[in-house]
Amino acid sequence: MRTIYTVLCLLWLITPVYAQTVPDKRPFELSRPLYVGARALAMGNAFTAIADDATAGFWNPAGLIQWQGVQLFAVNKFHDRDDYKFDPKGIGYSYRGYSLFWGNKIAIGVDSGVPDFNYYGIARQFGAYTAAGLSLKFKRRHPSNVYQFFGYQTAYDLGLLFKPRPNLKFGCLAQNLEGYGIQWLTLGAAYRYAAFQFSMDVAISTQGETPELYIGTEWHPFDVLPIRLGISNGALTAGMGVMWKGIRINYARIFEKNFASDFVSAELQF
């Protein structure tokens, strides 16, 4: 266990140097999962191997099989919405190793216009340790006078989840953002020890962009009160949540260059 702590501390220190801290465009303006879900954001957007709630349809569709029944969620960027608005939402259904998902992520007030994506996902469990998932992503036109179930630009995500031990998981997300082929490959690992959960994602571009590193931790001092910290590609994140039966309320803050953004999400399971 001491070795794990040492490795995490070293990664924490080198992240600001390794990461691309001043991107040309906010990452949520593309069909990438970053900033979706206050829990994932508070853990530094290191969520590919965890993906155990309804936001899995964005982060890693293979993770949808980790619960049974219906889950839905909504996220609101509630502080300083004059800067930008970002309000993803979604619903997932899982039953006996099969899962379905719909989600939408839309940003308003950003330089790229109105990036608005609909996600449709499916997942299947294979044996006791492995699951695979697929999400189709459709970008919608703005302005439009009718609701768009699909869109004009189709892309896809391919997800894998491997759980060789009850406290250890590995995830992989291959992302097509536009055109042909895979533009981003994200590899993740998550480890649970007692009341702590540690996670790390490495995102690799196939087009020569700077690799990205995401690290997070979640601590449950009480069953109903998780506390989270992370580093999202060089930006510090923090948050906490309240859990009661099938209801979860989560808060997250990300300290970006020259400003901070606050998010709150609500999740319901039944």
C-alpha atoms as a PDB file:
ATOM      1  CA  MET A   1       0.000   0.000   0.000  1.00  0.00           C
ATOM      2  CA  ARG A   2       2.925   2.330   0.740  1.00  0.00           C
ATOM      3  CA  THR A   3       4.086   1.899  -2.871  1.00  0.00           C
ATOM      4  CA  ILE A   4       0.663   2.963  -4.190  1.00  0.00           C
ATOM      5  CA  TYR A   5       0.710   6.138  -2.071  1.00  0.00           C
ATOM      6  CA  THR A   6       4.230   6.961  -3.267  1.00  0.00           C
ATOM      7  CA  VAL A   7       3.318   6.557  -6.952  1.00  0.00           C
ATOM      8  CA  LEU A   8       0.166   8.680  -6.561  1.00  0.00           C
ATOM      9  CA  CYS A   9       2.092  11.459  -4.815  1.00  0.00           C
ATOM     10  CA  LEU A  10       4.726  11.529  -7.574  1.00  0.00           C
ATOM     11  CA  LEU A  11       2.070  11.654 -10.280  1.00  0.00           C
ATOM     12  CA  TRP A  12       0.311  14.456  -8.396  1.00  0.00           C
ATOM     13  CA  LEU A  13       3.490  16.514  -8.388  1.00  0.00           C
ATOM     14  CA  ILE A  14       4.388  16.021 -12.047  1.00  0.00           C
ATOM     15  CA  THR A  15       0.885  16.614 -13.431  1.00  0.00           C
ATOM     16  CA  PRO A  16       1.165  20.439 -13.808  1.00  0.00           C
ATOM     17  CA  VAL A  17       4.361  19.961 -15.827  1.00  0.00           C
ATOM     18  CA  TYR A  18       3.128  17.047 -17.908  1.00  0.00           C
ATOM     19  CA  ALA A  19      -0.327  18.377 -18.720  1.00  0.00           C
ATOM     20  CA  GLN A  20      -1.416  20.765 -21.387  1.00  0.00           C
ATOM     21  CA  THR A  21      -2.727  23.442 -19.031  1.00  0.00           C
ATOM     22  CA  VAL A  22      -3.790  26.036 -21.585  1.00  0.00           C
ATOM     23  CA  PRO A  23      -5.859  24.241 -24.232  1.00  0.00           C
ATOM     24  CA  ASP A  24      -7.063  26.072 -27.323  1.00  0.00           C
ATOM     25  CA  LYS A  25     -10.645  25.078 -26.591  1.00  0.00           C
ATOM     26  CA  ARG A  26     -12.511  23.965 -23.495  1.00  0.00           C
ATOM     27  CA  PRO A  27     -12.671  20.151 -23.648  1.00  0.00           C
ATOM     28  CA  PHE A  28     -16.437  19.908 -23.193  1.00  0.00           C
ATOM     29  CA  GLU A  29     -16.954  21.732 -26.491  1.00  0.00           C
ATOM     30  CA  LEU A  30     -16.057  18.458 -28.218  1.00  0.00           C
ATOM     31  CA  SER A  31     -17.790  15.112 -27.815  1.00  0.00           C
ATOM     32  CA  ARG A  32     -15.491  14.118 -24.967  1.00  0.00           C
ATOM     33  CA  PRO A  33     -16.880  13.243 -21.514  1.00  0.00           C
ATOM     34  CA  LEU A  34     -14.901  15.797 -19.489  1.00  0.00           C
ATOM     35  CA  TYR A  35     -16.900  17.891 -16.969  1.00  0.00           C
ATOM     36  CA  VAL A  36     -19.909  15.523 -17.185  1.00  0.00           C
ATOM     37  CA  GLY A  37     -21.069  14.757 -13.644  1.00  0.00           C
ATOM     38  CA  ALA A  38     -20.018  16.612 -10.496  1.00  0.00           C
ATOM     39  CA  ARG A  39     -18.658  13.420  -8.941  1.00  0.00           C
ATOM     40  CA  ALA A  40     -16.363  12.665 -11.884  1.00  0.00           C
ATOM     41  CA  LEU A  41     -15.258  16.293 -12.135  1.00  0.00           C
ATOM     42  CA  ALA A  42     -14.414  16.486  -8.419  1.00  0.00           C
ATOM     43  CA  MET A  43     -12.211  13.415  -8.924  1.00  0.00           C
ATOM     44  CA  GLY A  44     -10.174  15.225 -11.555  1.00  0.00           C
ATOM     45  CA  ASN A  45     -12.129  13.752 -14.485  1.00  0.00           C
ATOM     46  CA  ALA A  46     -10.414  10.400 -13.778  1.00  0.00           C
ATOM     47  CA  PHE A  47     -13.528   8.304 -14.269  1.00  0.00           C
ATOM     48  CA  THR A  48     -12.964   5.892 -17.170  1.00  0.00           C
ATOM     49  CA  ALA A  49     -12.380   2.861 -14.940  1.00  0.00           C
ATOM     50  CA  ILE A  50     -15.004   3.842 -12.325  1.00  0.00           C
ATOM     51  CA  ALA A  51     -17.996   4.737 -14.547  1.00  0.00           C
ATOM     52  CA  ASP A  52     -20.472   3.204 -12.095  1.00  0.00           C
ATOM     53  CA  ASP A  53     -23.372   5.659 -12.371  1.00  0.00           C
ATOM     54  CA  ALA A  54     -25.599   7.009 -15.151  1.00  0.00           C
ATOM     55  CA  THR A  55     -22.832   9.284 -16.467  1.00  0.00           C
ATOM     56  CA  ALA A  56     -21.080   6.109 -17.678  1.00  0.00           C
ATOM     57  CA  GLY A  57     -22.882   6.593 -20.997  1.00  0.00           C
ATOM     58  CA  PHE A  58     -20.470   9.504 -21.542  1.00  0.00           C
ATOM     59  CA  TRP A  59     -17.366   8.258 -19.695  1.00  0.00           C
ATOM     60  CA  ASN A  60     -17.287   4.572 -20.583  1.00  0.00           C
ATOM     61  CA  PRO A  61     -20.493   2.935 -21.858  1.00  0.00           C
ATOM     62  CA  ALA A  62     -19.250  -0.485 -20.702  1.00  0.00           C
ATOM     63  CA  GLY A  63     -19.692   0.740 -17.122  1.00  0.00           C
ATOM     64  CA  LEU A  64     -23.468   0.923 -17.520  1.00  0.00           C
ATOM     65  CA  ILE A  65     -23.767  -2.770 -16.576  1.00  0.00           C
ATOM     66  CA  GLN A  66     -22.519  -2.099 -13.002  1.00  0.00           C
ATOM     67  CA  TRP A  67     -26.010  -1.508 -11.601  1.00  0.00           C
ATOM     68  CA  GLN A  68     -29.544  -2.749 -12.162  1.00  0.00           C
ATOM     69  CA  GLY A  69     -32.685  -0.737 -12.851  1.00  0.00           C
ATOM     70  CA  VAL A  70     -32.995   2.893 -13.915  1.00  0.00           C
ATOM     71  CA  GLN A  71     -30.659   5.788 -13.149  1.00  0.00           C
ATOM     72  CA  LEU A  72     -31.012   9.364 -14.284  1.00  0.00           C
ATOM     73  CA  PHE A  73     -28.931  12.465 -13.665  1.00  0.00           C
ATOM     74  CA  ALA A  74     -28.707  16.173 -14.431  1.00  0.00           C
ATOM     75  CA  VAL A  75     -25.807  18.607 -13.988  1.00  0.00           C
ATOM     76  CA  ASN A  76     -25.855  22.386 -13.691  1.00  0.00           C
ATOM     77  CA  LYS A  77     -22.954  24.819 -13.911  1.00  0.00           C
ATOM     78  CA  PHE A  78     -24.480  27.245 -11.431  1.00  0.00           C
ATOM     79  CA  HIS A  79     -21.805  29.844 -10.635  1.00  0.00           C
ATOM     80  CA  ASP A  80     -21.022  32.712 -13.047  1.00  0.00           C
ATOM     81  CA  ARG A  81     -23.167  31.430 -15.902  1.00  0.00           C
ATOM     82  CA  ASP A  82     -22.368  34.623 -17.807  1.00  0.00           C
ATOM     83  CA  ASP A  83     -19.011  33.013 -18.583  1.00  0.00           C
ATOM     84  CA  TYR A  84     -20.526  29.843 -20.039  1.00  0.00           C
ATOM     85  CA  LYS A  85     -23.388  27.431 -19.432  1.00  0.00           C
ATOM     86  CA  PHE A  86     -22.945  23.651 -19.387  1.00  0.00           C
ATOM     87  CA  ASP A  87     -25.829  21.370 -18.424  1.00  0.00           C
ATOM     88  CA  PRO A  88     -25.491  17.679 -19.377  1.00  0.00           C
ATOM     89  CA  LYS A  89     -28.169  15.139 -18.478  1.00  0.00           C
ATOM     90  CA  GLY A  90     -28.991  11.498 -19.157  1.00  0.00           C
ATOM     91  CA  ILE A  91     -30.828   8.298 -18.269  1.00  0.00           C
ATOM     92  CA  GLY A  92     -29.686   4.674 -18.258  1.00  0.00           C
ATOM     93  CA  TYR A  93     -31.391   1.326 -17.869  1.00  0.00           C
ATOM     94  CA  SER A  94     -29.636  -1.943 -16.974  1.00  0.00           C
ATOM     95  CA  TYR A  95     -31.029  -5.447 -16.633  1.00  0.00           C
ATOM     96  CA  ARG A  96     -29.207  -8.786 -16.418  1.00  0.00           C
ATOM     97  CA  GLY A  97     -26.011  -7.741 -18.136  1.00  0.00           C
ATOM     98  CA  TYR A  98     -27.593  -5.525 -20.805  1.00  0.00           C
ATOM     99  CA  SER A  99     -27.804  -1.721 -20.684  1.00  0.00           C
ATOM    100  CA  LEU A 100     -29.269   1.151 -22.691  1.00  0.00           C
ATOM    101  CA  PHE A 101     -28.507   4.861 -22.395  1.00  0.00           C
ATOM    102  CA  TRP A 102     -29.533   8.287 -23.677  1.00  0.00           C
ATOM    103  CA  GLY A 103     -27.726  11.491 -22.810  1.00  0.00           C
ATOM    104  CA  ASN A 104     -27.333  15.084 -23.942  1.00  0.00           C
ATOM    105  CA  LYS A 105     -24.550  17.592 -23.351  1.00  0.00           C
ATOM    106  CA  ILE A 106     -24.869  21.191 -24.424  1.00  0.00           C
ATOM    107  CA  ALA A 107     -22.708  24.253 -23.819  1.00  0.00           C
ATOM    108  CA  ILE A 108     -23.842  27.834 -24.375  1.00  0.00           C
ATOM    109  CA  GLY A 109     -21.752  30.974 -24.354  1.00  0.00           C
ATOM    110  CA  VAL A 110     -18.527  29.469 -25.728  1.00  0.00           C
ATOM    111  CA  ASP A 111     -16.505  30.671 -28.706  1.00  0.00           C
ATOM    112  CA  SER A 112     -17.305  27.611 -30.828  1.00  0.00           C
ATOM    113  CA  GLY A 113     -21.033  28.426 -30.928  1.00  0.00           C
ATOM    114  CA  VAL A 114     -23.464  25.946 -29.343  1.00  0.00           C
ATOM    115  CA  PRO A 115     -21.862  22.500 -29.107  1.00  0.00           C
ATOM    116  CA  ASP A 116     -24.826  20.174 -28.524  1.00  0.00           C
ATOM    117  CA  PHE A 117     -24.508  16.374 -28.603  1.00  0.00           C
ATOM    118  CA  ASN A 118     -27.009  13.540 -28.219  1.00  0.00           C
ATOM    119  CA  TYR A 119     -25.627  10.189 -27.040  1.00  0.00           C
ATOM    120  CA  TYR A 120     -27.242   6.768 -27.545  1.00  0.00           C
ATOM    121  CA  GLY A 121     -25.455   3.913 -25.785  1.00  0.00           C
ATOM    122  CA  ILE A 122     -25.620   0.153 -25.356  1.00  0.00           C
ATOM    123  CA  ALA A 123     -23.559  -2.206 -23.187  1.00  0.00           C
ATOM    124  CA  ARG A 124     -23.176  -5.940 -22.670  1.00  0.00           C
ATOM    125  CA  GLN A 125     -21.514  -7.922 -19.919  1.00  0.00           C
ATOM    126  CA  PHE A 126     -19.319 -10.876 -20.922  1.00  0.00           C
ATOM    127  CA  GLY A 127     -18.686 -13.269 -18.070  1.00  0.00           C
ATOM    128  CA  ALA A 128     -17.885 -12.163 -14.545  1.00  0.00           C
ATOM    129  CA  TYR A 129     -15.017  -9.782 -15.302  1.00  0.00           C
ATOM    130  CA  THR A 130     -15.504  -8.011 -18.637  1.00  0.00           C
ATOM    131  CA  ALA A 131     -18.014  -5.679 -20.302  1.00  0.00           C
ATOM    132  CA  ALA A 132     -18.093  -3.761 -23.579  1.00  0.00           C
ATOM    133  CA  GLY A 133     -20.120  -0.761 -24.676  1.00  0.00           C
ATOM    134  CA  LEU A 134     -20.825   1.505 -27.636  1.00  0.00           C
ATOM    135  CA  SER A 135     -22.115   5.092 -27.723  1.00  0.00           C
ATOM    136  CA  LEU A 136     -23.227   6.828 -30.906  1.00  0.00           C
ATOM    137  CA  LYS A 137     -22.901  10.618 -30.759  1.00  0.00           C
ATOM    138  CA  PHE A 138     -24.868  13.057 -32.891  1.00  0.00           C
ATOM    139  CA  LYS A 139     -24.106  16.760 -33.036  1.00  0.00           C
ATOM    140  CA  ARG A 140     -27.243  18.884 -33.380  1.00  0.00           C
ATOM    141  CA  ARG A 141     -27.708  22.030 -35.439  1.00  0.00           C
ATOM    142  CA  HIS A 142     -28.414  25.441 -33.890  1.00  0.00           C
ATOM    143  CA  PRO A 143     -30.639  27.303 -34.230  1.00  0.00           C
ATOM    144  CA  SER A 144     -33.421  24.815 -35.004  1.00  0.00           C
ATOM    145  CA  ASN A 145     -37.198  25.030 -34.652  1.00  0.00           C
ATOM    146  CA  VAL A 146     -37.702  21.286 -34.151  1.00  0.00           C
ATOM    147  CA  TYR A 147     -36.286  18.767 -31.692  1.00  0.00           C
ATOM    148  CA  GLN A 148     -33.449  16.793 -33.238  1.00  0.00           C
ATOM    149  CA  PHE A 149     -33.357  13.154 -32.165  1.00  0.00           C
ATOM    150  CA  PHE A 150     -30.118  12.613 -34.056  1.00  0.00           C
ATOM    151  CA  GLY A 151     -28.036  15.237 -35.875  1.00  0.00           C
ATOM    152  CA  TYR A 152     -25.792  16.067 -38.784  1.00  0.00           C
ATOM    153  CA  GLN A 153     -22.443  14.766 -37.500  1.00  0.00           C
ATOM    154  CA  THR A 154     -22.177  11.176 -36.266  1.00  0.00           C
ATOM    155  CA  ALA A 155     -19.299   9.918 -34.130  1.00  0.00           C
ATOM    156  CA  TYR A 156     -18.843   7.044 -31.706  1.00  0.00           C
ATOM    157  CA  ASP A 157     -17.189   5.825 -28.499  1.00  0.00           C
ATOM    158  CA  LEU A 158     -16.058   2.263 -27.812  1.00  0.00           C
ATOM    159  CA  GLY A 159     -15.663   1.271 -24.169  1.00  0.00           C
ATOM    160  CA  LEU A 160     -14.222  -1.697 -22.286  1.00  0.00           C
ATOM    161  CA  LEU A 161     -14.295  -2.464 -18.571  1.00  0.00           C
ATOM    162  CA  PHE A 162     -12.264  -5.190 -16.871  1.00  0.00           C
ATOM    163  CA  LYS A 163     -12.629  -6.050 -13.175  1.00  0.00           C
ATOM    164  CA  PRO A 164     -10.167  -8.815 -12.240  1.00  0.00           C
ATOM    165  CA  ARG A 165     -10.630  -8.222  -8.490  1.00  0.00           C
ATOM    166  CA  PRO A 166     -13.456  -6.711  -6.411  1.00  0.00           C
ATOM    167  CA  ASN A 167     -11.312  -3.675  -5.526  1.00  0.00           C
ATOM    168  CA  LEU A 168      -9.506  -3.210  -8.866  1.00  0.00           C
ATOM    169  CA  LYS A 169     -10.860  -2.093 -12.238  1.00  0.00           C
ATOM    170  CA  PHE A 170      -9.410  -1.115 -15.609  1.00  0.00           C
ATOM    171  CA  GLY A 171     -11.202   0.895 -18.283  1.00  0.00           C
ATOM    172  CA  CYS A 172     -10.554   1.863 -21.880  1.00  0.00           C
ATOM    173  CA  LEU A 173     -12.377   4.448 -24.002  1.00  0.00           C
ATOM    174  CA  ALA A 174     -11.620   4.799 -27.725  1.00  0.00           C
ATOM    175  CA  GLN A 175     -13.173   7.977 -29.120  1.00  0.00           C
ATOM    176  CA  ASN A 176     -14.044   9.043 -32.622  1.00  0.00           C
ATOM    177  CA  LEU A 177     -14.777  12.783 -32.607  1.00  0.00           C
ATOM    178  CA  GLU A 178     -15.137  13.406 -36.323  1.00  0.00           C
ATOM    179  CA  GLY A 179     -14.247  11.832 -39.641  1.00  0.00           C
ATOM    180  CA  TYR A 180     -12.775   8.329 -39.555  1.00  0.00           C
ATOM    181  CA  GLY A 181     -10.761   6.428 -37.000  1.00  0.00           C
ATOM    182  CA  ILE A 182      -9.963   7.007 -33.339  1.00  0.00           C
ATOM    183  CA  GLN A 183      -8.753  10.459 -32.292  1.00  0.00           C
ATOM    184  CA  TRP A 184      -8.386   9.836 -28.521  1.00  0.00           C
ATOM    185  CA  LEU A 185      -7.622   6.695 -26.517  1.00  0.00           C
ATOM    186  CA  THR A 186      -8.103   6.926 -22.749  1.00  0.00           C
ATOM    187  CA  LEU A 187      -6.785   4.240 -20.404  1.00  0.00           C
ATOM    188  CA  GLY A 188      -7.929   4.230 -16.798  1.00  0.00           C
ATOM    189  CA  ALA A 189      -7.413   2.328 -13.556  1.00  0.00           C
ATOM    190  CA  ALA A 190      -9.299   2.485 -10.258  1.00  0.00           C
ATOM    191  CA  TYR A 191      -8.353   0.927  -6.919  1.00  0.00           C
ATOM    192  CA  ARG A 192     -10.440   0.775  -3.757  1.00  0.00           C
ATOM    193  CA  TYR A 193      -8.854   0.418  -0.313  1.00  0.00           C
ATOM    194  CA  ALA A 194     -11.025   0.581   2.803  1.00  0.00           C
ATOM    195  CA  ALA A 195     -12.872   3.932   2.674  1.00  0.00           C
ATOM    196  CA  PHE A 196     -10.713   5.294  -0.174  1.00  0.00           C
ATOM    197  CA  GLN A 197     -10.926   4.983  -3.939  1.00  0.00           C
ATOM    198  CA  PHE A 198      -8.085   6.101  -6.208  1.00  0.00           C
ATOM    199  CA  SER A 199      -8.328   6.581  -9.966  1.00  0.00           C
ATOM    200  CA  MET A 200      -6.090   7.660 -12.825  1.00  0.00           C
ATOM    201  CA  ASP A 201      -6.709   8.237 -16.530  1.00  0.00           C
ATOM    202  CA  VAL A 202      -4.193   8.811 -19.304  1.00  0.00           C
ATOM    203  CA  ALA A 203      -5.637  10.237 -22.537  1.00  0.00           C
ATOM    204  CA  ILE A 204      -3.521   9.760 -25.664  1.00  0.00           C
ATOM    205  CA  SER A 205      -4.153  11.584 -28.918  1.00  0.00           C
ATOM    206  CA  THR A 206      -3.613   9.741 -32.199  1.00  0.00           C
ATOM    207  CA  GLN A 207      -3.082  13.091 -33.940  1.00  0.00           C
ATOM    208  CA  GLY A 208      -0.010  14.293 -32.093  1.00  0.00           C
ATOM    209  CA  GLU A 209      -1.660  16.439 -29.412  1.00  0.00           C
ATOM    210  CA  THR A 210      -0.164  16.562 -25.927  1.00  0.00           C
ATOM    211  CA  PRO A 211      -1.152  13.570 -23.761  1.00  0.00           C
ATOM    212  CA  GLU A 212      -3.398  14.355 -20.803  1.00  0.00           C
ATOM    213  CA  LEU A 213      -3.254  13.056 -17.241  1.00  0.00           C
ATOM    214  CA  TYR A 214      -6.140  12.889 -14.766  1.00  0.00           C
ATOM    215  CA  ILE A 215      -5.882  11.783 -11.115  1.00  0.00           C
ATOM    216  CA  GLY A 216      -8.587  11.537  -8.479  1.00  0.00           C
ATOM    217  CA  THR A 217      -9.446  10.194  -5.065  1.00  0.00           C
ATOM    218  CA  GLU A 218     -12.687   9.658  -3.169  1.00  0.00           C
ATOM    219  CA  TRP A 219     -12.889   9.254   0.614  1.00  0.00           C
ATOM    220  CA  HIS A 220     -15.944   8.089   2.546  1.00  0.00           C
ATOM    221  CA  PRO A 221     -15.463   9.235   6.159  1.00  0.00           C
ATOM    222  CA  PHE A 222     -19.156   8.392   6.545  1.00  0.00           C
ATOM    223  CA  ASP A 223     -21.385   6.227   4.348  1.00  0.00           C
ATOM    224  CA  VAL A 224     -23.490   9.203   3.259  1.00  0.00           C
ATOM    225  CA  LEU A 225     -20.757  11.852   2.873  1.00  0.00           C
ATOM    226  CA  PRO A 226     -18.018  11.304   0.254  1.00  0.00           C
ATOM    227  CA  ILE A 227     -15.196  13.846  -0.118  1.00  0.00           C
ATOM    228  CA  ARG A 228     -13.242  14.104  -3.382  1.00  0.00           C
ATOM    229  CA  LEU A 229     -10.037  15.660  -4.719  1.00  0.00           C
ATOM    230  CA  GLY A 230      -8.324  15.519  -8.080  1.00  0.00           C
ATOM    231  CA  ILE A 231      -6.115  17.065 -10.728  1.00  0.00           C
ATOM    232  CA  SER A 232      -7.690  17.406 -14.163  1.00  0.00           C
ATOM    233  CA  ASN A 233      -4.877  17.812 -16.674  1.00  0.00           C
ATOM    234  CA  GLY A 234      -3.147  20.369 -14.470  1.00  0.00           C
ATOM    235  CA  ALA A 235      -6.251  21.972 -12.893  1.00  0.00           C
ATOM    236  CA  LEU A 236      -7.079  21.315  -9.242  1.00  0.00           C
ATOM    237  CA  THR A 237     -10.565  19.926  -8.518  1.00  0.00           C
ATOM    238  CA  ALA A 238     -12.482  19.274  -5.307  1.00  0.00           C
ATOM    239  CA  GLY A 239     -15.976  18.384  -4.212  1.00  0.00           C
ATOM    240  CA  MET A 240     -18.257  16.458  -1.935  1.00  0.00           C
ATOM    241  CA  GLY A 241     -21.593  14.686  -1.994  1.00  0.00           C
ATOM    242  CA  VAL A 242     -24.588  13.532  -0.014  1.00  0.00           C
ATOM    243  CA  MET A 243     -25.978  10.027  -0.508  1.00  0.00           C
ATOM    244  CA  TRP A 244     -29.310   8.829   0.840  1.00  0.00           C
ATOM    245  CA  LYS A 245     -30.889   5.630  -0.433  1.00  0.00           C
ATOM    246  CA  GLY A 246     -31.278   6.088  -4.216  1.00  0.00           C
ATOM    247  CA  ILE A 247     -30.606   9.844  -4.211  1.00  0.00           C
ATOM    248  CA  ARG A 248     -27.210  11.501  -4.685  1.00  0.00           C
ATOM    249  CA  ILE A 249     -26.406  15.213  -4.677  1.00  0.00           C
ATOM    250  CA  ASN A 250     -22.842  16.093  -5.684  1.00  0.00           C
ATOM    251  CA  TYR A 251     -20.884  19.338  -5.829  1.00  0.00           C
ATOM    252  CA  ALA A 252     -17.605  20.021  -7.660  1.00  0.00           C
ATOM    253  CA  ARG A 253     -15.289  22.953  -8.294  1.00  0.00           C
ATOM    254  CA  ILE A 254     -12.518  23.101 -10.881  1.00  0.00           C
ATOM    255  CA  PHE A 255      -9.822  25.770 -10.562  1.00  0.00           C
ATOM    256  CA  GLU A 256      -9.043  26.657 -14.149  1.00  0.00           C
ATOM    257  CA  LYS A 257      -6.729  29.353 -15.447  1.00  0.00           C
ATOM    258  CA  ASN A 258      -7.778  32.738 -14.005  1.00  0.00           C
ATOM    259  CA  PHE A 259     -11.175  31.514 -12.732  1.00  0.00           C
ATOM    260  CA  ALA A 260     -13.065  28.681 -11.062  1.00  0.00           C
ATOM    261  CA  SER A 261     -16.236  26.897 -12.147  1.00  0.00           C
ATOM    262  CA  ASP A 262     -18.812  25.286  -9.852  1.00  0.00           C
ATOM    263  CA  PHE A 263     -21.104  22.391 -10.718  1.00  0.00           C
ATOM    264  CA  VAL A 264     -23.878  20.554  -8.898  1.00  0.00           C
ATOM    265  CA  SER A 265     -25.499  17.309 -10.035  1.00  0.00           C
ATOM    266  CA  ALA A 266     -28.478  15.266  -8.902  1.00  0.00           C
ATOM    267  CA  GLU A 267     -28.801  11.529  -9.463  1.00  0.00           C
ATOM    268  CA  LEU A 268     -31.775   9.262  -8.859  1.00  0.00           C
ATOM    269  CA  GLN A 269     -31.820   5.452  -8.942  1.00  0.00           C
ATOM    270  CA  PHE A 270     -34.903   3.222  -8.832  1.00  0.00           C
END
